[in-house]
Amino acid sequence: MMKLPVWDVKTLHKMVGDDGPTQCRMLAQFLCEAEKQVSVIVRAAADGELALVVDLVHMLKTSARMVGALQIGQLCEEIETAGKTQEPARCYARAELLSAVFFPAQLQIRNHMAASVPP
């Protein structure tokens, strides 16, 4: 499998065009929601709540891919598959990686947003 970029700015551009304020609003909303979701997903996976994990990672996968956070989207797909196939150990092991994958995407997105704000 080809390694996906952490974050691809072109993905969001394809969806909303050059509308900087709309891009920033979508990115800010994604970061706020994703940060909450990541901790809940990890906790639910640790507790073996696979149905909850599947629901949450599906939502995060969709929003991550929509804004271009491709590694997060891919990892969520792996977690979702493990949850659906009732593999709690694999589900938890993959979920534990979410924070590590989320941090670089968060950093790149925040840097992009900061650069997009006029002085």
C-alpha atoms as a PDB file:
ATOM      1  CA  MET A   1       0.000   0.000   0.000  1.00  0.00           C
ATOM      2  CA  MET A   2       1.254   3.457  -0.883  1.00  0.00           C
ATOM      3  CA  LYS A   3       1.907   5.731   2.074  1.00  0.00           C
ATOM      4  CA  LEU A   4      -0.706   8.468   2.173  1.00  0.00           C
ATOM      5  CA  PRO A   5       0.092  12.089   2.972  1.00  0.00           C
ATOM      6  CA  VAL A   6      -0.653  13.240   6.507  1.00  0.00           C
ATOM      7  CA  TRP A   7      -2.782  16.041   5.130  1.00  0.00           C
ATOM      8  CA  ASP A   8      -3.534  17.056   1.556  1.00  0.00           C
ATOM      9  CA  VAL A   9      -4.706  20.651   1.138  1.00  0.00           C
ATOM     10  CA  LYS A  10      -5.881  19.896  -2.414  1.00  0.00           C
ATOM     11  CA  THR A  11      -8.632  17.609  -1.107  1.00  0.00           C
ATOM     12  CA  LEU A  12     -10.471  20.438   0.634  1.00  0.00           C
ATOM     13  CA  HIS A  13      -9.765  22.776  -2.272  1.00  0.00           C
ATOM     14  CA  LYS A  14     -11.561  20.360  -4.611  1.00  0.00           C
ATOM     15  CA  MET A  15     -14.602  20.481  -2.370  1.00  0.00           C
ATOM     16  CA  VAL A  16     -14.949  24.216  -1.609  1.00  0.00           C
ATOM     17  CA  GLY A  17     -12.579  25.872  -4.072  1.00  0.00           C
ATOM     18  CA  ASP A  18     -10.469  28.874  -3.124  1.00  0.00           C
ATOM     19  CA  ASP A  19     -12.869  30.057  -0.434  1.00  0.00           C
ATOM     20  CA  GLY A  20     -10.335  30.555   2.361  1.00  0.00           C
ATOM     21  CA  PRO A  21     -12.809  31.473   5.113  1.00  0.00           C
ATOM     22  CA  THR A  22     -14.947  28.410   4.349  1.00  0.00           C
ATOM     23  CA  GLN A  23     -11.857  26.204   4.316  1.00  0.00           C
ATOM     24  CA  CYS A  24     -10.726  27.592   7.665  1.00  0.00           C
ATOM     25  CA  ARG A  25     -14.174  27.111   9.213  1.00  0.00           C
ATOM     26  CA  MET A  26     -14.311  23.509   8.022  1.00  0.00           C
ATOM     27  CA  LEU A  27     -10.774  22.803   9.229  1.00  0.00           C
ATOM     28  CA  ALA A  28     -11.406  24.390  12.622  1.00  0.00           C
ATOM     29  CA  GLN A  29     -14.593  22.377  13.057  1.00  0.00           C
ATOM     30  CA  PHE A  30     -12.798  19.194  12.014  1.00  0.00           C
ATOM     31  CA  LEU A  31      -9.969  19.773  14.507  1.00  0.00           C
ATOM     32  CA  CYS A  32     -12.366  20.510  17.353  1.00  0.00           C
ATOM     33  CA  GLU A  33     -14.534  17.457  16.718  1.00  0.00           C
ATOM     34  CA  ALA A  34     -11.669  15.104  15.854  1.00  0.00           C
ATOM     35  CA  GLU A  35      -9.801  15.895  19.046  1.00  0.00           C
ATOM     36  CA  LYS A  36     -12.844  14.850  21.083  1.00  0.00           C
ATOM     37  CA  GLN A  37     -13.536  11.800  18.930  1.00  0.00           C
ATOM     38  CA  VAL A  38      -9.985  10.463  19.138  1.00  0.00           C
ATOM     39  CA  SER A  39     -10.029  10.230  22.936  1.00  0.00           C
ATOM     40  CA  VAL A  40     -13.507   8.673  23.011  1.00  0.00           C
ATOM     41  CA  ILE A  41     -12.554   6.122  20.326  1.00  0.00           C
ATOM     42  CA  VAL A  42      -9.428   5.057  22.206  1.00  0.00           C
ATOM     43  CA  ARG A  43     -11.351   4.737  25.472  1.00  0.00           C
ATOM     44  CA  ALA A  44     -14.205   2.783  23.830  1.00  0.00           C
ATOM     45  CA  ALA A  45     -11.725   0.447  22.116  1.00  0.00           C
ATOM     46  CA  ALA A  46      -9.972  -0.177  25.445  1.00  0.00           C
ATOM     47  CA  ASP A  47     -13.346  -1.006  26.993  1.00  0.00           C
ATOM     48  CA  GLY A  48     -14.184  -3.399  24.143  1.00  0.00           C
ATOM     49  CA  GLU A  49     -17.180  -1.344  23.008  1.00  0.00           C
ATOM     50  CA  LEU A  50     -16.744  -2.315  19.374  1.00  0.00           C
ATOM     51  CA  ALA A  51     -20.150  -1.096  18.141  1.00  0.00           C
ATOM     52  CA  LEU A  52     -19.445   2.367  19.542  1.00  0.00           C
ATOM     53  CA  VAL A  53     -15.936   2.345  18.080  1.00  0.00           C
ATOM     54  CA  VAL A  54     -17.286   1.418  14.641  1.00  0.00           C
ATOM     55  CA  ASP A  55     -19.834   4.249  14.724  1.00  0.00           C
ATOM     56  CA  LEU A  56     -17.317   6.850  15.907  1.00  0.00           C
ATOM     57  CA  VAL A  57     -14.485   5.916  13.563  1.00  0.00           C
ATOM     58  CA  HIS A  58     -16.871   5.877  10.630  1.00  0.00           C
ATOM     59  CA  MET A  59     -17.790   9.502  11.343  1.00  0.00           C
ATOM     60  CA  LEU A  60     -14.171  10.503  11.897  1.00  0.00           C
ATOM     61  CA  LYS A  61     -13.076   8.648   8.745  1.00  0.00           C
ATOM     62  CA  THR A  62     -15.605  10.537   6.656  1.00  0.00           C
ATOM     63  CA  SER A  63     -14.754  13.977   8.015  1.00  0.00           C
ATOM     64  CA  ALA A  64     -10.997  13.311   7.908  1.00  0.00           C
ATOM     65  CA  ARG A  65     -11.118  12.313   4.268  1.00  0.00           C
ATOM     66  CA  MET A  66     -13.332  15.279   3.447  1.00  0.00           C
ATOM     67  CA  VAL A  67     -10.739  17.770   4.750  1.00  0.00           C
ATOM     68  CA  GLY A  68      -7.754  15.837   3.403  1.00  0.00           C
ATOM     69  CA  ALA A  69      -6.484  14.177   6.603  1.00  0.00           C
ATOM     70  CA  LEU A  70      -5.782  11.028   4.630  1.00  0.00           C
ATOM     71  CA  GLN A  71      -3.707   9.060   7.149  1.00  0.00           C
ATOM     72  CA  ILE A  72      -6.398   9.535   9.785  1.00  0.00           C
ATOM     73  CA  GLY A  73      -9.011   8.377   7.295  1.00  0.00           C
ATOM     74  CA  GLN A  74      -7.013   5.262   6.446  1.00  0.00           C
ATOM     75  CA  LEU A  75      -6.376   4.382  10.087  1.00  0.00           C
ATOM     76  CA  CYS A  76     -10.062   4.869  10.886  1.00  0.00           C
ATOM     77  CA  GLU A  77     -10.927   2.465   8.090  1.00  0.00           C
ATOM     78  CA  GLU A  78      -8.594  -0.134   9.615  1.00  0.00           C
ATOM     79  CA  ILE A  79     -10.118   0.370  13.072  1.00  0.00           C
ATOM     80  CA  GLU A  80     -13.625   0.189  11.635  1.00  0.00           C
ATOM     81  CA  THR A  81     -12.831  -3.093   9.877  1.00  0.00           C
ATOM     82  CA  ALA A  82     -11.365  -4.587  13.056  1.00  0.00           C
ATOM     83  CA  GLY A  83     -14.456  -3.542  14.986  1.00  0.00           C
ATOM     84  CA  LYS A  84     -16.855  -4.949  12.405  1.00  0.00           C
ATOM     85  CA  THR A  85     -14.996  -8.261  12.290  1.00  0.00           C
ATOM     86  CA  GLN A  86     -15.065  -8.491  16.094  1.00  0.00           C
ATOM     87  CA  GLU A  87     -11.307  -8.272  16.603  1.00  0.00           C
ATOM     88  CA  PRO A  88     -11.083  -6.318  19.878  1.00  0.00           C
ATOM     89  CA  ALA A  89      -7.304  -6.649  20.311  1.00  0.00           C
ATOM     90  CA  ARG A  90      -6.599  -5.444  16.765  1.00  0.00           C
ATOM     91  CA  CYS A  91      -9.215  -2.717  17.092  1.00  0.00           C
ATOM     92  CA  TYR A  92      -7.604  -1.431  20.292  1.00  0.00           C
ATOM     93  CA  ALA A  93      -4.060  -1.699  18.912  1.00  0.00           C
ATOM     94  CA  ARG A  94      -4.999   0.367  15.858  1.00  0.00           C
ATOM     95  CA  ALA A  95      -7.041   2.840  17.950  1.00  0.00           C
ATOM     96  CA  GLU A  96      -4.028   3.472  20.177  1.00  0.00           C
ATOM     97  CA  LEU A  97      -2.256   4.884  17.108  1.00  0.00           C
ATOM     98  CA  LEU A  98      -4.926   7.518  16.484  1.00  0.00           C
ATOM     99  CA  SER A  99      -3.354  10.196  18.674  1.00  0.00           C
ATOM    100  CA  ALA A 100       0.027   9.726  17.018  1.00  0.00           C
ATOM    101  CA  VAL A 101      -1.534  10.038  13.564  1.00  0.00           C
ATOM    102  CA  PHE A 102      -3.803  12.919  14.571  1.00  0.00           C
ATOM    103  CA  PHE A 103      -1.027  15.136  15.970  1.00  0.00           C
ATOM    104  CA  PRO A 104       0.936  15.732  12.723  1.00  0.00           C
ATOM    105  CA  ALA A 105      -2.290  16.324  10.783  1.00  0.00           C
ATOM    106  CA  GLN A 106      -3.436  18.788  13.436  1.00  0.00           C
ATOM    107  CA  LEU A 107      -0.100  20.589  13.229  1.00  0.00           C
ATOM    108  CA  GLN A 108      -0.145  20.836   9.441  1.00  0.00           C
ATOM    109  CA  ILE A 109      -3.757  22.018   9.391  1.00  0.00           C
ATOM    110  CA  ARG A 110      -3.127  24.646  12.091  1.00  0.00           C
ATOM    111  CA  ASN A 111      -0.044  25.897  10.235  1.00  0.00           C
ATOM    112  CA  HIS A 112      -2.083  26.169   7.040  1.00  0.00           C
ATOM    113  CA  MET A 113      -4.847  28.027   8.836  1.00  0.00           C
ATOM    114  CA  ALA A 114      -2.360  30.439  10.421  1.00  0.00           C
ATOM    115  CA  ALA A 115      -0.785  31.121   7.039  1.00  0.00           C
ATOM    116  CA  SER A 116      -4.225  31.707   5.518  1.00  0.00           C
ATOM    117  CA  VAL A 117      -5.181  34.458   7.952  1.00  0.00           C
ATOM    118  CA  PRO A 118      -4.302  37.894   6.578  1.00  0.00           C
ATOM    119  CA  PRO A 119      -2.076  40.053   8.819  1.00  0.00           C
END
